[in-house]
Every structure is written in structure tokens, then in C-alpha cells.
Protein backbone atom coordinates (compact mmCIF):
# COMPACT_ATOMS: atom_id res chain seq x y z
CA GLN A 1 97.61 80.55 89.25
CA VAL A 2 96.90 84.37 89.90
CA GLN A 3 97.12 86.69 87.16
CA LEU A 4 97.73 90.31 87.03
CA VAL A 5 96.32 93.40 84.75
CA GLU A 6 97.61 96.77 85.73
CA SER A 7 95.59 99.46 84.18
CA GLY A 8 95.99 103.76 84.54
CA GLY A 9 99.11 104.44 83.09
CA GLY A 10 99.64 107.73 80.14
CA LEU A 11 101.35 111.01 79.61
CA VAL A 12 101.05 113.66 82.58
CA GLN A 13 102.94 117.06 83.18
CA ALA A 14 106.11 116.69 85.61
CA GLY A 15 103.86 117.86 89.29
CA GLY A 16 101.13 116.34 87.98
CA SER A 17 99.66 112.70 89.55
CA LEU A 18 98.51 109.24 88.56
CA ARG A 19 96.68 105.94 89.92
CA LEU A 20 97.56 103.00 89.00
CA SER A 21 95.75 100.46 90.27
CA CYS A 22 96.59 96.05 89.29
CA ALA A 23 92.91 94.22 89.76
CA ALA A 24 94.37 90.18 90.37
CA SER A 25 92.54 87.22 90.12
CA GLY A 26 91.85 84.32 92.47
CA ARG A 27 91.15 83.68 96.38
CA THR A 28 93.89 84.01 97.82
CA PHE A 29 94.70 87.44 97.34
CA GLY A 30 94.92 89.01 101.16
CA THR A 31 97.26 86.27 101.52
CA TYR A 32 100.00 87.87 98.90
CA ALA A 33 102.43 90.58 99.30
CA MET A 34 102.18 92.97 96.26
CA ALA A 35 104.33 95.04 95.22
CA TRP A 36 105.28 97.55 92.32
CA PHE A 37 108.45 98.12 90.33
CA ARG A 38 109.30 99.56 87.44
CA GLN A 39 111.81 99.58 84.10
CA ALA A 40 112.82 102.68 82.89
CA PRO A 41 114.87 101.70 78.45
CA GLY A 42 117.83 100.88 79.21
CA LYS A 43 117.52 100.16 82.34
CA GLU A 44 117.13 96.73 84.67
CA ARG A 45 113.65 96.55 86.61
CA ALA A 46 113.74 97.71 89.88
CA PHE A 47 111.62 97.90 93.12
CA VAL A 48 109.36 100.61 93.44
CA ALA A 49 106.75 100.10 96.65
CA VAL A 50 105.44 96.87 98.46
CA ILE A 51 102.21 96.35 100.19
CA ASN A 52 102.50 92.92 102.25
CA TRP A 53 99.24 91.30 103.96
CA THR A 54 99.04 93.28 106.97
CA ARG A 55 99.57 96.69 105.44
CA ASN A 56 103.13 97.44 105.77
CA THR A 57 104.17 99.23 103.99
CA TYR A 58 107.62 100.26 102.30
CA TYR A 59 109.18 102.57 99.35
CA VAL A 60 111.84 102.84 97.34
CA ASP A 61 113.19 106.57 98.49
CA SER A 62 113.05 108.16 95.09
CA VAL A 63 109.73 108.02 95.72
CA LYS A 64 108.93 109.00 99.96
CA GLY A 65 106.10 111.07 100.16
CA ARG A 66 105.71 111.59 96.61
CA PHE A 67 104.07 107.63 95.94
CA THR A 68 101.88 105.32 97.89
CA ILE A 69 100.55 102.01 97.72
CA SER A 70 97.78 100.45 99.18
CA ARG A 71 95.43 97.27 98.97
CA ASP A 72 91.59 96.70 99.05
CA ASN A 73 91.04 93.00 99.41
CA ALA A 74 87.39 93.14 98.89
CA LYS A 75 87.66 94.18 95.11
CA ASN A 76 91.49 91.65 94.92
CA THR A 77 93.52 94.92 93.73
CA VAL A 78 96.21 97.18 94.46
CA TYR A 79 96.96 101.08 93.74
CA LEU A 80 99.81 103.24 92.90
CA GLN A 81 99.05 107.21 93.77
CA MET A 82 101.70 108.80 92.75
CA ASN A 83 101.94 112.34 93.44
CA SER A 84 104.63 115.67 92.45
CA LEU A 85 105.36 113.36 89.50
CA LYS A 86 109.17 114.17 87.59
CA PRO A 87 110.26 112.99 84.14
CA GLU A 88 112.97 110.34 86.17
CA ASP A 89 109.84 108.40 87.50
CA THR A 90 109.18 107.51 83.54
CA ALA A 91 109.24 104.06 82.87
CA VAL A 92 106.39 101.07 82.01
CA TYR A 93 105.10 100.13 85.81
CA TYR A 94 104.50 96.31 86.54
CA CYS A 95 102.51 94.85 89.33
CA ALA A 96 103.93 91.47 91.50
CA ALA A 97 102.24 89.13 93.43
CA SER A 98 104.82 86.77 96.19
CA ARG A 99 103.30 83.83 98.65
CA THR A 100 106.36 85.19 100.97
CA PHE A 101 107.57 88.87 102.22
CA ASN A 102 111.81 89.79 103.46
CA ILE A 103 112.38 93.18 103.96
CA ALA A 104 115.51 92.20 103.01
CA THR A 105 115.19 90.59 99.74
CA MET A 106 110.82 92.45 98.94
CA TYR A 107 112.96 94.60 96.53
CA ARG A 108 114.35 91.67 94.49
CA PRO A 109 112.56 90.31 91.85
CA ASP A 110 112.92 87.21 91.91
CA PRO A 111 110.85 87.05 95.38
CA TYR A 112 107.78 87.32 93.98
CA SER A 113 106.37 84.83 91.56
CA TYR A 114 102.91 86.38 89.25
CA TRP A 115 103.77 89.65 87.17
CA GLY A 116 101.19 92.28 84.84
CA GLN A 117 102.22 93.04 81.92
CA GLY A 118 103.09 96.75 82.60
CA THR A 119 101.85 99.88 81.80
CA GLN A 120 103.63 102.63 80.42
CA VAL A 121 103.47 106.47 82.38
CA THR A 122 105.40 108.74 81.32
CA VAL A 123 106.18 112.21 82.65
CA SER A 124 106.84 115.59 80.80
CA SER A 125 109.38 118.46 81.82
């Protein structure tokens, strides 16, 4: 069982930056693929980025060059550094963990067994 707790959300002006953190419980953090999803009001939960256990990273096109996902296995924590934020980045951001990783399905919510409670990110124009 893995418990995930996100932090770091808040209100920021367009062009600003935020760093989200996701702290995980358990001793096998390093064996999980860790992802960030987001859900805007009235929309489905959408993939943002993932980092697997070999530290390969993948991003949705809309955040490439602006967001960076990273992990610190010693601290059981995954991060999402968000720069050049836009109003369309406004959403609740969720951290997720999966024991498996497949490029074909990494963008879908269903492979991820564990989810955090979410943290609100609001970008004002």
C-alpha cells in the first residue's frame, strides 16, 4: 500500500512558477512509476507528466519546455516544477503511482493504483 500526499499548490500570476511535491509512504518508492495528472472544472482528469524507475520522463505536449518532473528516491518524493504558468494550467493536480510502466498506456489514469488527494493550482491572467 502506498499513500501519496501532494503539496505546493497555490495562486500565481501568469508567467510565474510553482513547485509541487508528492511525498510517498513505503519502502519501495523507487520501484514505482510516478505521474502527475490534472483536472480542470468540468473536464476529465488529464495526464501531465510521468517519470519511471529508470528516470525516463514523458510530458503532454502542452507543458513541454515549461514543466519538469523529477524524483528523489531517498526522500520518497516526486516533484513537478512548473514555469511560465498560463491560466489554462489552472486545475487540481494529482500525484499517482504505478508498479507497471507502458508507454502506450502511461497517459491513462487506469494503470495507476495509488492517488493523492490533489492540490489546487490557480493561475490568474
